[in-house]
Amino acid sequence: MKRLLPLFIALGAATAVPAQDLPQSLTAHTQAETEVSSTPTVPETEVLALRTADARRLAATIAADVQQLAAIYSEELRYAHSNGLVDTKASMLESLGSGQTKYSNLEYRERNWSFPAPGVALMTGRVQVKLEIKGAAADVLLGYLAVWRKEAGQWQFLAWQSCRLPATERTVQQAK
């Protein structure tokens, strides 16, 4: 089952969306989603909290909820794009809030979780992204690493690093 998640990113700070109010498509697992833990004692409640945090991040971007996104992102956000540009929280907020960068679709092809240390979670996998940068449309398959960190008892989005996958990887994925 493929999940398409429309994604329009705009950033800011604000109110939480209760998990029960999120669309099922945002809280359900992707077909290729797996749980991998390097710390054997990670409770299922933590994994669920992370999935919920990520679902809130996606829902906020879909709704262009600038305040919600600012509350989800860590103050230390480092967002490294597949084109090599790196944003801080402030520069992401500016770029996305101004409409200079617009994400329209995101489809997780694979999503894995690992927990290298207490309060740190890594989300890795592949994602199909459709976006528009300064009016130029792009549709890319990316490999990614996202880092979530528990800050003041809440999971915060700390970092994103992505790279375009080789043409052969895109062709293999499209054939499946």
N, C-alpha and C. Protein backbone atom coordinates (compact mmCIF):
# COMPACT_ATOMS: atom_id res chain seq x y z
N MET A 1 0.84 -1.18 0.00
CA MET A 1 0.00 0.00 0.00
C MET A 1 0.88 1.24 0.00
N LYS A 2 0.72 2.07 -0.97
CA LYS A 2 1.48 3.31 -1.04
C LYS A 2 0.70 4.41 -0.35
N ARG A 3 1.43 5.27 0.33
CA ARG A 3 0.80 6.41 0.96
C ARG A 3 1.32 7.68 0.30
N LEU A 4 0.44 8.47 -0.22
CA LEU A 4 0.83 9.77 -0.74
C LEU A 4 0.46 10.80 0.31
N LEU A 5 1.40 11.62 0.65
CA LEU A 5 1.15 12.66 1.62
C LEU A 5 1.43 14.00 0.97
N PRO A 6 0.38 14.75 0.66
CA PRO A 6 0.65 16.07 0.13
C PRO A 6 1.41 16.87 1.18
N LEU A 7 2.38 17.60 0.74
CA LEU A 7 3.22 18.29 1.69
C LEU A 7 3.51 19.69 1.22
N PHE A 8 2.89 20.67 1.87
CA PHE A 8 3.20 22.07 1.60
C PHE A 8 3.84 22.59 2.85
N ILE A 9 5.11 22.94 2.77
CA ILE A 9 5.83 23.31 3.97
C ILE A 9 5.82 24.82 4.15
N ALA A 10 5.39 25.22 5.34
CA ALA A 10 5.50 26.59 5.82
C ALA A 10 5.81 26.46 7.30
N LEU A 11 6.56 27.38 7.88
CA LEU A 11 7.01 27.16 9.25
C LEU A 11 6.66 28.32 10.18
N GLY A 12 6.58 28.06 11.53
CA GLY A 12 6.26 29.03 12.57
C GLY A 12 6.23 28.44 13.99
N ALA A 13 5.24 28.76 15.06
CA ALA A 13 5.17 28.18 16.44
C ALA A 13 3.76 28.12 17.00
N ALA A 14 3.26 26.97 17.67
CA ALA A 14 1.89 27.06 18.19
C ALA A 14 1.24 25.87 18.83
N THR A 15 0.01 25.56 18.43
CA THR A 15 -0.83 24.59 19.11
C THR A 15 -0.64 23.19 18.56
N ALA A 16 -0.79 22.21 19.43
CA ALA A 16 -0.64 20.82 19.03
C ALA A 16 -1.93 20.27 18.46
N VAL A 17 -1.81 19.36 17.51
CA VAL A 17 -2.95 18.66 16.95
C VAL A 17 -3.04 17.32 17.68
N PRO A 18 -4.16 17.01 18.35
CA PRO A 18 -4.27 15.72 19.04
C PRO A 18 -4.13 14.58 18.04
N ALA A 19 -3.47 13.50 18.49
CA ALA A 19 -3.22 12.36 17.60
C ALA A 19 -4.50 11.81 17.01
N GLN A 20 -5.58 11.80 17.79
CA GLN A 20 -6.84 11.25 17.28
C GLN A 20 -7.45 12.12 16.17
N ASP A 21 -7.00 13.37 16.05
CA ASP A 21 -7.51 14.26 15.01
C ASP A 21 -6.71 14.18 13.71
N LEU A 22 -5.60 13.44 13.73
CA LEU A 22 -4.78 13.32 12.53
C LEU A 22 -5.41 12.31 11.58
N PRO A 23 -5.32 12.54 10.27
CA PRO A 23 -5.83 11.56 9.32
C PRO A 23 -5.11 10.24 9.49
N GLN A 24 -5.82 9.13 9.30
CA GLN A 24 -5.22 7.81 9.45
C GLN A 24 -4.03 7.63 8.51
N SER A 25 -4.08 8.25 7.34
CA SER A 25 -2.97 8.12 6.39
C SER A 25 -1.67 8.68 6.95
N LEU A 26 -1.75 9.60 7.91
CA LEU A 26 -0.55 10.16 8.50
C LEU A 26 -0.04 9.34 9.67
N THR A 27 -0.90 8.59 10.34
CA THR A 27 -0.48 7.83 11.50
C THR A 27 -0.23 6.36 11.20
N ALA A 28 -0.69 5.87 10.06
CA ALA A 28 -0.49 4.47 9.69
C ALA A 28 0.96 4.25 9.28
N HIS A 29 1.42 3.01 9.38
CA HIS A 29 2.77 2.66 8.95
C HIS A 29 2.84 2.63 7.43
N THR A 30 4.01 2.94 6.91
CA THR A 30 4.23 2.72 5.49
C THR A 30 4.44 1.23 5.29
N GLN A 31 4.24 0.75 4.09
CA GLN A 31 4.41 -0.67 3.81
C GLN A 31 5.83 -1.12 4.16
N ALA A 32 6.80 -0.30 3.88
CA ALA A 32 8.19 -0.68 4.09
C ALA A 32 8.71 -0.23 5.45
N GLU A 33 7.85 0.25 6.34
CA GLU A 33 8.32 0.75 7.62
C GLU A 33 8.72 -0.39 8.53
N THR A 34 9.85 -0.22 9.16
CA THR A 34 10.33 -1.22 10.09
C THR A 34 10.80 -0.54 11.36
N GLU A 35 10.88 -1.30 12.40
CA GLU A 35 11.40 -0.80 13.67
C GLU A 35 12.74 -1.47 13.91
N VAL A 36 13.80 -0.69 14.02
CA VAL A 36 15.12 -1.21 14.29
C VAL A 36 15.65 -0.44 15.48
N SER A 37 16.07 -1.14 16.51
CA SER A 37 16.54 -0.45 17.69
C SER A 37 17.89 -0.98 18.12
N SER A 38 18.83 -0.07 18.35
CA SER A 38 20.12 -0.49 18.87
C SER A 38 20.09 -0.47 20.40
N THR A 39 19.01 0.02 20.98
CA THR A 39 18.81 -0.05 22.42
C THR A 39 17.58 -0.92 22.65
N PRO A 40 17.78 -2.11 23.19
CA PRO A 40 16.69 -3.09 23.26
C PRO A 40 15.53 -2.70 24.18
N THR A 41 15.69 -1.67 24.98
CA THR A 41 14.64 -1.34 25.95
C THR A 41 13.77 -0.16 25.53
N VAL A 42 13.76 0.20 24.27
CA VAL A 42 12.92 1.32 23.81
C VAL A 42 11.47 0.86 23.84
N PRO A 43 10.65 1.49 24.69
CA PRO A 43 9.25 1.07 24.75
C PRO A 43 8.47 1.45 23.49
N GLU A 44 7.47 0.64 23.16
CA GLU A 44 6.62 0.91 22.00
C GLU A 44 5.97 2.29 22.10
N THR A 45 5.74 2.77 23.32
CA THR A 45 5.14 4.10 23.49
C THR A 45 6.04 5.19 22.92
N GLU A 46 7.37 5.00 22.99
CA GLU A 46 8.29 6.00 22.42
C GLU A 46 8.22 5.99 20.90
N VAL A 47 8.15 4.79 20.31
CA VAL A 47 8.03 4.69 18.86
C VAL A 47 6.71 5.33 18.41
N LEU A 48 5.65 5.06 19.13
CA LEU A 48 4.36 5.67 18.81
C LEU A 48 4.42 7.18 18.95
N ALA A 49 5.08 7.67 19.99
CA ALA A 49 5.23 9.12 20.17
C ALA A 49 5.99 9.74 19.00
N LEU A 50 7.01 9.05 18.50
CA LEU A 50 7.76 9.56 17.35
C LEU A 50 6.91 9.56 16.09
N ARG A 51 6.19 8.48 15.85
CA ARG A 51 5.32 8.45 14.67
C ARG A 51 4.29 9.58 14.75
N THR A 52 3.76 9.81 15.94
CA THR A 52 2.78 10.88 16.13
C THR A 52 3.42 12.25 15.89
N ALA A 53 4.63 12.44 16.41
CA ALA A 53 5.34 13.71 16.19
C ALA A 53 5.58 13.94 14.70
N ASP A 54 5.99 12.89 13.99
CA ASP A 54 6.23 13.03 12.55
C ASP A 54 4.92 13.29 11.81
N ALA A 55 3.86 12.62 12.23
CA ALA A 55 2.54 12.85 11.62
C ALA A 55 2.09 14.30 11.85
N ARG A 56 2.34 14.82 13.03
CA ARG A 56 1.99 16.23 13.31
C ARG A 56 2.81 17.17 12.44
N ARG A 57 4.08 16.83 12.25
CA ARG A 57 4.93 17.66 11.39
C ARG A 57 4.37 17.68 9.97
N LEU A 58 3.98 16.52 9.46
CA LEU A 58 3.42 16.45 8.11
C LEU A 58 2.07 17.15 8.03
N ALA A 59 1.22 16.93 9.02
CA ALA A 59 -0.10 17.58 9.01
C ALA A 59 0.04 19.10 9.05
N ALA A 60 0.97 19.57 9.84
CA ALA A 60 1.19 21.02 9.93
C ALA A 60 1.69 21.59 8.61
N THR A 61 2.53 20.84 7.90
CA THR A 61 3.01 21.33 6.62
C THR A 61 1.88 21.32 5.59
N ILE A 62 1.05 20.29 5.63
CA ILE A 62 -0.08 20.21 4.70
C ILE A 62 -1.03 21.38 4.94
N ALA A 63 -1.26 21.71 6.20
CA ALA A 63 -2.16 22.80 6.55
C ALA A 63 -1.48 24.17 6.49
N ALA A 64 -0.21 24.19 6.17
CA ALA A 64 0.58 25.43 6.17
C ALA A 64 0.49 26.12 7.52
N ASP A 65 0.54 25.33 8.58
CA ASP A 65 0.44 25.85 9.95
C ASP A 65 1.82 26.26 10.44
N VAL A 66 2.18 27.48 10.17
CA VAL A 66 3.50 28.01 10.48
C VAL A 66 3.80 27.92 11.97
N GLN A 67 2.84 28.21 12.79
CA GLN A 67 3.07 28.17 14.23
C GLN A 67 3.33 26.75 14.71
N GLN A 68 2.58 25.80 14.23
CA GLN A 68 2.76 24.40 14.63
C GLN A 68 4.15 23.90 14.23
N LEU A 69 4.57 24.21 13.03
CA LEU A 69 5.87 23.74 12.57
C LEU A 69 7.02 24.32 13.38
N ALA A 70 6.93 25.56 13.76
CA ALA A 70 7.98 26.17 14.58
C ALA A 70 8.05 25.49 15.94
N ALA A 71 6.92 25.05 16.44
CA ALA A 71 6.91 24.34 17.73
C ALA A 71 7.51 22.93 17.60
N ILE A 72 7.41 22.33 16.45
CA ILE A 72 7.92 20.97 16.22
C ILE A 72 9.42 20.97 15.98
N TYR A 73 9.93 21.96 15.28
CA TYR A 73 11.35 22.02 14.96
C TYR A 73 12.16 22.48 16.17
N SER A 74 13.30 21.84 16.36
CA SER A 74 14.24 22.24 17.40
C SER A 74 14.82 23.61 17.07
N GLU A 75 15.19 24.36 18.09
CA GLU A 75 15.87 25.64 17.86
C GLU A 75 17.21 25.41 17.16
N GLU A 76 17.77 24.23 17.29
CA GLU A 76 19.06 23.90 16.69
C GLU A 76 18.92 23.19 15.34
N LEU A 77 17.77 23.30 14.70
CA LEU A 77 17.53 22.61 13.44
C LEU A 77 18.65 22.84 12.43
N ARG A 78 19.07 21.74 11.81
CA ARG A 78 20.01 21.78 10.68
C ARG A 78 19.35 20.95 9.60
N TYR A 79 18.94 21.60 8.52
CA TYR A 79 18.21 20.95 7.44
C TYR A 79 19.07 21.01 6.18
N ALA A 80 19.72 19.89 5.86
CA ALA A 80 20.61 19.82 4.70
C ALA A 80 19.83 19.23 3.52
N HIS A 81 19.61 20.05 2.53
CA HIS A 81 18.85 19.65 1.34
C HIS A 81 19.69 18.80 0.40
N SER A 82 19.03 18.08 -0.48
CA SER A 82 19.73 17.20 -1.43
C SER A 82 20.59 17.98 -2.42
N ASN A 83 20.35 19.28 -2.56
CA ASN A 83 21.15 20.10 -3.48
C ASN A 83 22.38 20.70 -2.80
N GLY A 84 22.57 20.36 -1.51
CA GLY A 84 23.75 20.84 -0.80
C GLY A 84 23.52 22.06 0.06
N LEU A 85 22.40 22.76 -0.13
CA LEU A 85 22.11 23.92 0.71
C LEU A 85 21.72 23.46 2.10
N VAL A 86 22.11 24.25 3.11
CA VAL A 86 21.81 23.92 4.49
C VAL A 86 21.04 25.08 5.12
N ASP A 87 19.92 24.74 5.75
CA ASP A 87 19.10 25.74 6.43
C ASP A 87 19.16 25.56 7.93
N THR A 88 19.02 26.67 8.64
CA THR A 88 18.78 26.68 10.08
C THR A 88 17.27 26.79 10.27
N LYS A 89 16.83 26.77 11.49
CA LYS A 89 15.40 26.94 11.73
C LYS A 89 14.92 28.28 11.16
N ALA A 90 15.67 29.34 11.42
CA ALA A 90 15.27 30.67 10.95
C ALA A 90 15.21 30.74 9.43
N SER A 91 16.21 30.19 8.75
CA SER A 91 16.21 30.27 7.29
C SER A 91 15.14 29.36 6.67
N MET A 92 14.87 28.21 7.32
CA MET A 92 13.77 27.35 6.84
C MET A 92 12.45 28.06 6.98
N LEU A 93 12.24 28.68 8.13
CA LEU A 93 11.00 29.42 8.36
C LEU A 93 10.81 30.50 7.30
N GLU A 94 11.88 31.20 6.99
CA GLU A 94 11.80 32.26 5.99
C GLU A 94 11.49 31.71 4.60
N SER A 95 12.24 30.69 4.18
CA SER A 95 12.07 30.11 2.85
C SER A 95 10.69 29.51 2.65
N LEU A 96 10.26 28.73 3.63
CA LEU A 96 8.99 28.04 3.51
C LEU A 96 7.81 28.97 3.79
N GLY A 97 7.97 29.84 4.76
CA GLY A 97 6.90 30.78 5.09
C GLY A 97 6.63 31.79 4.00
N SER A 98 7.67 32.13 3.24
CA SER A 98 7.52 33.10 2.15
C SER A 98 6.97 32.46 0.88
N GLY A 99 6.94 31.12 0.85
CA GLY A 99 6.49 30.43 -0.35
C GLY A 99 7.59 30.23 -1.38
N GLN A 100 8.81 30.63 -1.04
CA GLN A 100 9.94 30.46 -1.96
C GLN A 100 10.14 28.97 -2.26
N THR A 101 9.94 28.13 -1.23
CA THR A 101 10.00 26.68 -1.39
C THR A 101 8.66 26.10 -0.99
N LYS A 102 8.08 25.28 -1.85
CA LYS A 102 6.78 24.65 -1.58
C LYS A 102 6.88 23.16 -1.87
N TYR A 103 6.57 22.36 -0.87
CA TYR A 103 6.50 20.91 -1.07
C TYR A 103 5.04 20.55 -1.32
N SER A 104 4.78 19.77 -2.36
CA SER A 104 3.40 19.40 -2.68
C SER A 104 3.08 17.95 -2.39
N ASN A 105 4.04 17.05 -2.48
CA ASN A 105 3.80 15.63 -2.20
C ASN A 105 5.02 15.00 -1.56
N LEU A 106 4.76 14.06 -0.69
CA LEU A 106 5.80 13.29 -0.07
C LEU A 106 5.27 11.87 0.10
N GLU A 107 6.03 10.89 -0.36
CA GLU A 107 5.62 9.50 -0.22
C GLU A 107 6.79 8.72 0.36
N TYR A 108 6.65 8.30 1.61
CA TYR A 108 7.68 7.44 2.19
C TYR A 108 7.69 6.13 1.43
N ARG A 109 8.82 5.76 0.90
CA ARG A 109 8.99 4.45 0.27
C ARG A 109 9.53 3.46 1.28
N GLU A 110 10.28 4.00 2.24
CA GLU A 110 10.85 3.19 3.30
C GLU A 110 11.08 4.13 4.49
N ARG A 111 10.77 3.63 5.68
CA ARG A 111 11.02 4.43 6.89
C ARG A 111 11.42 3.46 8.00
N ASN A 112 12.61 3.70 8.55
CA ASN A 112 13.17 2.86 9.61
C ASN A 112 13.49 3.73 10.82
N TRP A 113 13.36 3.16 11.98
CA TRP A 113 13.66 3.87 13.22
C TRP A 113 14.79 3.15 13.94
N SER A 114 15.71 3.91 14.52
CA SER A 114 16.73 3.35 15.41
C SER A 114 16.96 4.35 16.55
N PHE A 115 17.49 3.83 17.64
CA PHE A 115 17.63 4.62 18.87
C PHE A 115 19.05 4.45 19.40
N PRO A 116 19.98 5.30 18.93
CA PRO A 116 21.39 5.13 19.30
C PRO A 116 21.72 5.53 20.72
N ALA A 117 20.87 6.35 21.34
CA ALA A 117 21.12 6.82 22.71
C ALA A 117 19.78 7.25 23.31
N PRO A 118 19.69 7.30 24.62
CA PRO A 118 18.44 7.77 25.23
C PRO A 118 18.08 9.17 24.75
N GLY A 119 16.84 9.36 24.36
CA GLY A 119 16.36 10.67 23.93
C GLY A 119 16.75 11.06 22.52
N VAL A 120 17.30 10.12 21.75
CA VAL A 120 17.70 10.38 20.36
C VAL A 120 17.12 9.28 19.48
N ALA A 121 16.47 9.68 18.40
CA ALA A 121 15.90 8.71 17.46
C ALA A 121 16.33 9.09 16.05
N LEU A 122 16.70 8.09 15.28
CA LEU A 122 17.06 8.28 13.88
C LEU A 122 15.96 7.69 13.02
N MET A 123 15.54 8.44 12.02
CA MET A 123 14.55 7.99 11.04
C MET A 123 15.27 7.99 9.70
N THR A 124 15.35 6.83 9.05
CA THR A 124 16.06 6.72 7.78
C THR A 124 15.17 6.04 6.75
N GLY A 125 15.50 6.22 5.49
CA GLY A 125 14.76 5.54 4.45
C GLY A 125 14.85 6.25 3.12
N ARG A 126 13.79 6.06 2.34
CA ARG A 126 13.68 6.68 1.02
C ARG A 126 12.34 7.38 0.95
N VAL A 127 12.31 8.50 0.26
CA VAL A 127 11.10 9.28 0.14
C VAL A 127 11.02 9.91 -1.25
N GLN A 128 9.84 9.85 -1.85
CA GLN A 128 9.59 10.53 -3.13
C GLN A 128 9.06 11.91 -2.78
N VAL A 129 9.68 12.94 -3.31
CA VAL A 129 9.32 14.32 -2.97
C VAL A 129 9.01 15.10 -4.24
N LYS A 130 7.88 15.80 -4.21
CA LYS A 130 7.53 16.75 -5.26
C LYS A 130 7.53 18.12 -4.61
N LEU A 131 8.27 19.04 -5.23
CA LEU A 131 8.38 20.37 -4.67
C LEU A 131 8.56 21.41 -5.76
N GLU A 132 8.48 22.64 -5.33
CA GLU A 132 8.67 23.78 -6.22
C GLU A 132 9.59 24.75 -5.50
N ILE A 133 10.68 25.12 -6.17
CA ILE A 133 11.62 26.07 -5.61
C ILE A 133 11.69 27.26 -6.55
N LYS A 134 11.27 28.41 -6.06
CA LYS A 134 11.25 29.64 -6.87
C LYS A 134 10.55 29.39 -8.20
N GLY A 135 9.45 28.63 -8.17
CA GLY A 135 8.64 28.39 -9.35
C GLY A 135 9.07 27.22 -10.20
N ALA A 136 10.23 26.61 -9.93
CA ALA A 136 10.71 25.47 -10.71
C ALA A 136 10.31 24.18 -10.02
N ALA A 137 9.55 23.33 -10.72
CA ALA A 137 9.06 22.07 -10.15
C ALA A 137 10.13 21.00 -10.20
N ALA A 138 10.10 20.11 -9.20
CA ALA A 138 11.01 18.97 -9.15
C ALA A 138 10.27 17.78 -8.56
N ASP A 139 10.65 16.60 -8.99
CA ASP A 139 10.11 15.34 -8.48
C ASP A 139 11.31 14.42 -8.30
N VAL A 140 11.73 14.18 -7.04
CA VAL A 140 12.96 13.45 -6.78
C VAL A 140 12.75 12.33 -5.78
N LEU A 141 13.53 11.28 -5.94
CA LEU A 141 13.59 10.20 -4.97
C LEU A 141 14.84 10.44 -4.14
N LEU A 142 14.65 10.52 -2.82
CA LEU A 142 15.75 10.84 -1.92
C LEU A 142 16.00 9.72 -0.92
N GLY A 143 17.24 9.57 -0.55
CA GLY A 143 17.61 8.83 0.65
C GLY A 143 17.71 9.87 1.75
N TYR A 144 17.29 9.54 2.97
CA TYR A 144 17.31 10.56 4.01
C TYR A 144 17.69 9.99 5.37
N LEU A 145 18.15 10.89 6.22
CA LEU A 145 18.38 10.64 7.63
C LEU A 145 17.77 11.83 8.36
N ALA A 146 16.83 11.53 9.24
CA ALA A 146 16.24 12.57 10.08
C ALA A 146 16.58 12.24 11.53
N VAL A 147 16.84 13.26 12.31
CA VAL A 147 17.17 13.07 13.72
C VAL A 147 16.11 13.77 14.56
N TRP A 148 15.56 13.02 15.48
CA TRP A 148 14.62 13.55 16.47
C TRP A 148 15.32 13.50 17.82
N ARG A 149 15.11 14.55 18.64
CA ARG A 149 15.71 14.59 19.97
C ARG A 149 14.64 15.00 20.97
N LYS A 150 14.65 14.35 22.11
CA LYS A 150 13.70 14.70 23.16
C LYS A 150 14.22 15.95 23.87
N GLU A 151 13.41 17.01 23.83
CA GLU A 151 13.74 18.28 24.47
C GLU A 151 12.57 18.66 25.36
N ALA A 152 12.84 18.88 26.63
CA ALA A 152 11.80 19.23 27.61
C ALA A 152 10.64 18.22 27.56
N GLY A 153 11.00 16.95 27.39
CA GLY A 153 10.00 15.88 27.40
C GLY A 153 9.24 15.66 26.11
N GLN A 154 9.54 16.43 25.05
CA GLN A 154 8.85 16.30 23.76
C GLN A 154 9.85 15.98 22.66
N TRP A 155 9.43 15.15 21.69
CA TRP A 155 10.28 14.88 20.54
C TRP A 155 10.30 16.09 19.62
N GLN A 156 11.49 16.60 19.33
CA GLN A 156 11.69 17.75 18.45
C GLN A 156 12.48 17.31 17.22
N PHE A 157 12.13 17.89 16.07
CA PHE A 157 12.80 17.60 14.80
C PHE A 157 14.11 18.37 14.77
N LEU A 158 15.24 17.67 14.89
CA LEU A 158 16.55 18.30 15.04
C LEU A 158 17.32 18.44 13.74
N ALA A 159 17.24 17.42 12.86
CA ALA A 159 18.08 17.47 11.67
C ALA A 159 17.50 16.64 10.54
N TRP A 160 17.83 17.05 9.32
CA TRP A 160 17.47 16.33 8.10
C TRP A 160 18.68 16.38 7.18
N GLN A 161 19.02 15.25 6.59
CA GLN A 161 20.08 15.17 5.60
C GLN A 161 19.56 14.27 4.49
N SER A 162 19.60 14.74 3.26
CA SER A 162 19.09 13.91 2.16
C SER A 162 20.03 13.98 0.96
N CYS A 163 19.90 12.99 0.11
CA CYS A 163 20.66 12.96 -1.13
C CYS A 163 19.77 12.35 -2.21
N ARG A 164 19.96 12.82 -3.42
CA ARG A 164 19.24 12.22 -4.55
C ARG A 164 19.80 10.84 -4.79
N LEU A 165 18.90 9.90 -4.99
CA LEU A 165 19.33 8.54 -5.28
C LEU A 165 19.68 8.43 -6.76
N PRO A 166 20.62 7.55 -7.09
CA PRO A 166 21.03 7.39 -8.49
C PRO A 166 19.86 7.01 -9.39
N ALA A 167 19.98 7.33 -10.66
CA ALA A 167 18.93 7.02 -11.63
C ALA A 167 18.55 5.55 -11.59
N THR A 168 19.52 4.66 -11.39
CA THR A 168 19.21 3.23 -11.34
C THR A 168 18.30 2.92 -10.16
N GLU A 169 18.50 3.58 -9.03
CA GLU A 169 17.64 3.37 -7.86
C GLU A 169 16.23 3.86 -8.16
N ARG A 170 16.12 5.02 -8.81
CA ARG A 170 14.79 5.54 -9.16
C ARG A 170 14.09 4.58 -10.11
N THR A 171 14.81 4.06 -11.10
CA THR A 171 14.22 3.14 -12.07
C THR A 171 13.75 1.86 -11.38
N VAL A 172 14.57 1.31 -10.49
CA VAL A 172 14.20 0.10 -9.76
C VAL A 172 12.95 0.35 -8.92
N GLN A 173 12.91 1.49 -8.24
CA GLN A 173 11.76 1.80 -7.39
C GLN A 173 10.49 2.00 -8.21
N GLN A 174 10.60 2.62 -9.37
CA GLN A 174 9.42 2.85 -10.21
C GLN A 174 8.89 1.54 -10.79
N ALA A 175 9.77 0.57 -10.99
CA ALA A 175 9.36 -0.71 -11.55
C ALA A 175 8.62 -1.59 -10.56
N LYS A 176 8.84 -1.33 -9.26
CA LYS A 176 8.19 -2.17 -8.23
C LYS A 176 6.73 -1.92 -8.10
